[in-house]
Protein backbone atom coordinates (compact mmCIF):
# COMPACT_ATOMS: atom_id res chain seq x y z
CA UNK A 1 95.72 109.04 106.81
CA UNK A 2 92.68 106.87 106.26
CA UNK A 3 94.31 105.00 103.35
CA UNK A 4 96.48 102.75 105.49
CA UNK A 5 97.31 100.35 102.66
CA UNK A 6 99.41 103.07 101.05
CA UNK A 7 101.83 102.61 103.94
CA UNK A 8 102.71 99.15 102.63
CA UNK A 9 103.52 100.55 99.18
CA UNK A 10 105.56 103.40 100.64
CA UNK A 11 107.37 100.93 102.92
CA UNK A 12 108.16 98.76 99.91
CA UNK A 13 109.58 101.80 98.11
CA UNK A 14 111.80 102.62 101.08
CA UNK A 15 112.88 98.97 101.21
CA UNK A 16 113.86 99.06 97.53
CA UNK A 17 115.84 102.26 98.22
CA UNK A 18 117.73 100.49 101.06
CA UNK A 19 116.10 102.63 103.78
CA UNK A 20 115.14 99.62 105.88
CA UNK A 21 114.62 101.47 109.16
CA UNK A 22 112.30 104.02 107.51
CA UNK A 23 110.49 101.19 105.75
CA UNK A 24 109.84 99.53 109.12
CA UNK A 25 108.51 102.76 110.62
CA UNK A 26 106.03 103.27 107.80
CA UNK A 27 105.09 99.58 107.76
CA UNK A 28 104.38 99.51 111.48
CA UNK A 29 101.59 102.06 111.01
CA UNK A 30 99.83 99.56 108.76
CA UNK A 31 100.63 96.54 110.94
CA UNK A 32 99.05 98.22 113.98
CA UNK A 33 95.73 98.09 112.15
CA UNK A 34 96.29 94.87 110.17
CA UNK A 35 98.57 92.62 112.22
CA UNK A 36 97.85 89.53 110.11
CA UNK A 37 98.68 90.97 106.68
CA UNK A 38 100.86 88.41 104.89
CA UNK A 39 102.48 91.01 102.64
CA UNK A 40 103.26 93.38 105.52
CA UNK A 41 104.64 90.60 107.74
CA UNK A 42 106.84 89.34 104.91
CA UNK A 43 108.14 92.84 104.20
CA UNK A 44 108.85 93.34 107.90
CA UNK A 45 110.85 90.09 107.94
CA UNK A 46 112.83 91.19 104.87
CA UNK A 47 113.62 94.53 106.54
CA UNK A 48 114.82 92.69 109.63
CA UNK A 49 117.03 90.48 107.46
CA UNK A 50 118.69 93.53 105.92
CA UNK A 51 119.01 95.40 109.22
CA UNK A 52 119.95 92.57 111.55
CA UNK A 53 120.33 88.95 110.42
CA UNK A 54 118.56 85.85 109.18
CA UNK A 55 117.65 84.61 112.64
CA UNK A 56 115.79 87.83 113.48
CA UNK A 57 114.06 87.77 110.09
CA UNK A 58 113.03 84.17 110.57
CA UNK A 59 111.48 85.08 113.93
CA UNK A 60 109.39 87.74 112.19
CA UNK A 61 108.41 85.33 109.43
CA UNK A 62 107.35 82.73 112.03
CA UNK A 63 104.29 84.91 112.71
CA UNK A 64 103.28 84.37 109.10
CA UNK A 65 104.00 80.63 109.19
CA UNK A 66 101.89 80.31 112.35
CA UNK A 67 99.03 82.24 110.72
CA UNK A 68 99.28 80.03 107.69
CA UNK A 69 98.49 76.94 109.71
CA UNK A 70 95.61 78.53 111.64
CA UNK A 71 93.95 81.42 109.83
CA UNK A 72 94.59 81.28 106.10
CA UNK A 73 96.93 80.01 103.43
CA UNK A 74 99.63 82.52 102.51
CA UNK A 75 101.88 82.45 99.49
CA UNK A 76 103.86 79.44 100.55
CA UNK A 77 106.45 79.81 97.76
CA UNK A 78 107.52 83.24 98.96
CA UNK A 79 107.79 82.00 102.54
CA UNK A 80 109.87 79.00 101.45
CA UNK A 81 112.10 81.21 99.30
CA UNK A 82 112.67 83.72 102.07
CA UNK A 83 113.43 81.00 104.61
CA UNK A 84 116.19 79.71 102.31
CA UNK A 85 117.65 83.21 102.14
CA UNK A 86 117.27 83.86 105.87
CA UNK A 87 118.97 80.51 106.60
CA UNK A 88 121.96 81.34 104.40
CA UNK A 89 121.09 78.91 101.59
CA UNK A 90 119.87 75.94 103.61
CA UNK A 91 117.75 73.68 101.33
CA UNK A 92 118.47 75.93 98.34
CA UNK A 93 118.75 73.07 95.86
CA UNK A 94 115.37 71.68 96.90
CA UNK A 95 113.42 74.94 97.20
CA UNK A 96 114.81 77.43 94.67
CA UNK A 97 114.91 75.57 91.29
CA UNK A 98 111.10 75.21 91.01
CA UNK A 99 110.70 78.89 91.94
CA UNK A 100 113.05 80.32 89.29
CA UNK A 101 110.22 81.26 86.94
CA UNK A 102 107.86 82.35 89.75
CA UNK A 103 110.04 84.56 91.95
CA UNK A 104 112.67 86.64 90.11
CA UNK A 105 115.02 86.67 93.11
CA UNK A 106 115.04 82.85 93.24
CA UNK A 107 117.37 82.64 90.22
CA UNK A 108 119.74 85.22 91.70
CA UNK A 109 119.75 83.55 95.10
CA UNK A 110 120.47 80.19 93.48
CA UNK A 111 123.40 81.79 91.64
CA UNK A 112 124.69 83.11 94.98
CA UNK A 113 124.28 79.64 96.50
CA UNK A 114 126.32 78.08 93.68
CA UNK A 115 129.04 80.72 94.02
CA UNK A 116 129.31 80.13 97.77
CA UNK A 117 129.66 76.42 97.11
CA UNK A 118 132.18 76.97 94.29
CA UNK A 119 129.88 75.56 91.60
CA UNK A 120 130.93 78.25 89.14
CA UNK A 121 129.66 76.48 86.01
CA UNK A 122 126.18 75.99 87.54
CA UNK A 123 126.12 79.67 88.54
CA UNK A 124 127.16 80.66 85.02
CA UNK A 125 124.47 78.49 83.38
CA UNK A 126 121.81 80.19 85.50
CA UNK A 127 122.89 83.75 84.79
CA UNK A 128 124.44 83.71 81.31
CA UNK A 129 121.17 84.57 79.52
CA UNK A 130 119.93 86.98 82.20
CA UNK A 131 119.86 90.60 81.13
CA UNK A 132 120.78 92.59 84.26
CA UNK A 133 118.57 95.51 85.25
CA UNK A 134 119.53 96.29 88.85
CA UNK A 135 122.95 97.02 90.37
CA UNK A 136 122.76 93.69 92.25
CA UNK A 137 122.14 91.81 89.00
CA UNK A 138 125.04 93.58 87.26
CA UNK A 139 127.37 92.84 90.17
CA UNK A 140 126.32 89.21 90.35
CA UNK A 141 126.76 88.75 86.60
CA UNK A 142 130.17 90.44 86.84
CA UNK A 143 131.27 88.16 89.69
CA UNK A 144 130.15 85.05 87.83
CA UNK A 145 131.92 86.17 84.65
CA UNK A 146 135.09 86.96 86.61
CA UNK A 147 135.01 83.52 88.25
CA UNK A 148 134.34 81.63 85.03
CA UNK A 149 136.96 83.76 83.27
CA UNK A 150 139.56 82.81 85.85
CA UNK A 151 138.50 79.17 85.82
CA UNK A 152 138.65 78.88 82.03
CA UNK A 153 141.42 81.46 81.56
CA UNK A 154 139.03 83.33 79.28
CA UNK A 155 139.87 86.94 78.46
CA UNK A 156 136.36 87.35 77.01
CA UNK A 157 134.68 86.57 80.34
CA UNK A 158 137.13 88.74 82.27
CA UNK A 159 136.46 91.63 79.89
CA UNK A 160 132.69 91.14 80.27
CA UNK A 161 133.06 91.14 84.08
CA UNK A 162 135.07 94.34 83.88
CA UNK A 163 132.39 96.00 81.75
CA UNK A 164 129.64 95.05 84.20
CA UNK A 165 131.67 96.28 87.17
CA UNK A 166 132.41 99.57 85.35
CA UNK A 167 128.73 100.07 84.55
CA UNK A 168 127.85 99.81 88.22
CA UNK A 169 130.85 101.87 89.35
CA UNK A 170 130.13 104.65 86.88
CA UNK A 171 126.45 104.81 87.77
CA UNK A 172 125.26 108.03 89.38
CA UNK A 173 123.32 106.05 91.96
């Protein structure tokens, strides 16, 4: 009970397992004692994004932005990245490209941005050399390959998309 920081790690685990409500419960124990924790506030905003919407998440992240200007300097890149995500891709082309090698999700979110804007070849260039490790990465790579396969009438890309989709579909998780 006295090791409150463990709550942040446990909350992050629940977040990664898609138990966002449980993650918030555990995280709130830590935030009651450390209301200005940049990591905890950011995780809370991410939970709110998954549970509710980008507007709610942005409201939570505003606490961190306000602290940044008054108390201390937080990881600005993560805040900028998350604001792009919370705002449904707004400013993605300005914010995400420099973050691709810093924040792993930046590449994936830029791929999503390109797909939403029907820039299939740009999405493909970003993900073609990525070796997927998570279900989201496999699905995203499958979608991009399916799109490029349809665009180029390429059986090879369609077959690759099918293989990625089958890997995710056959997974025990």
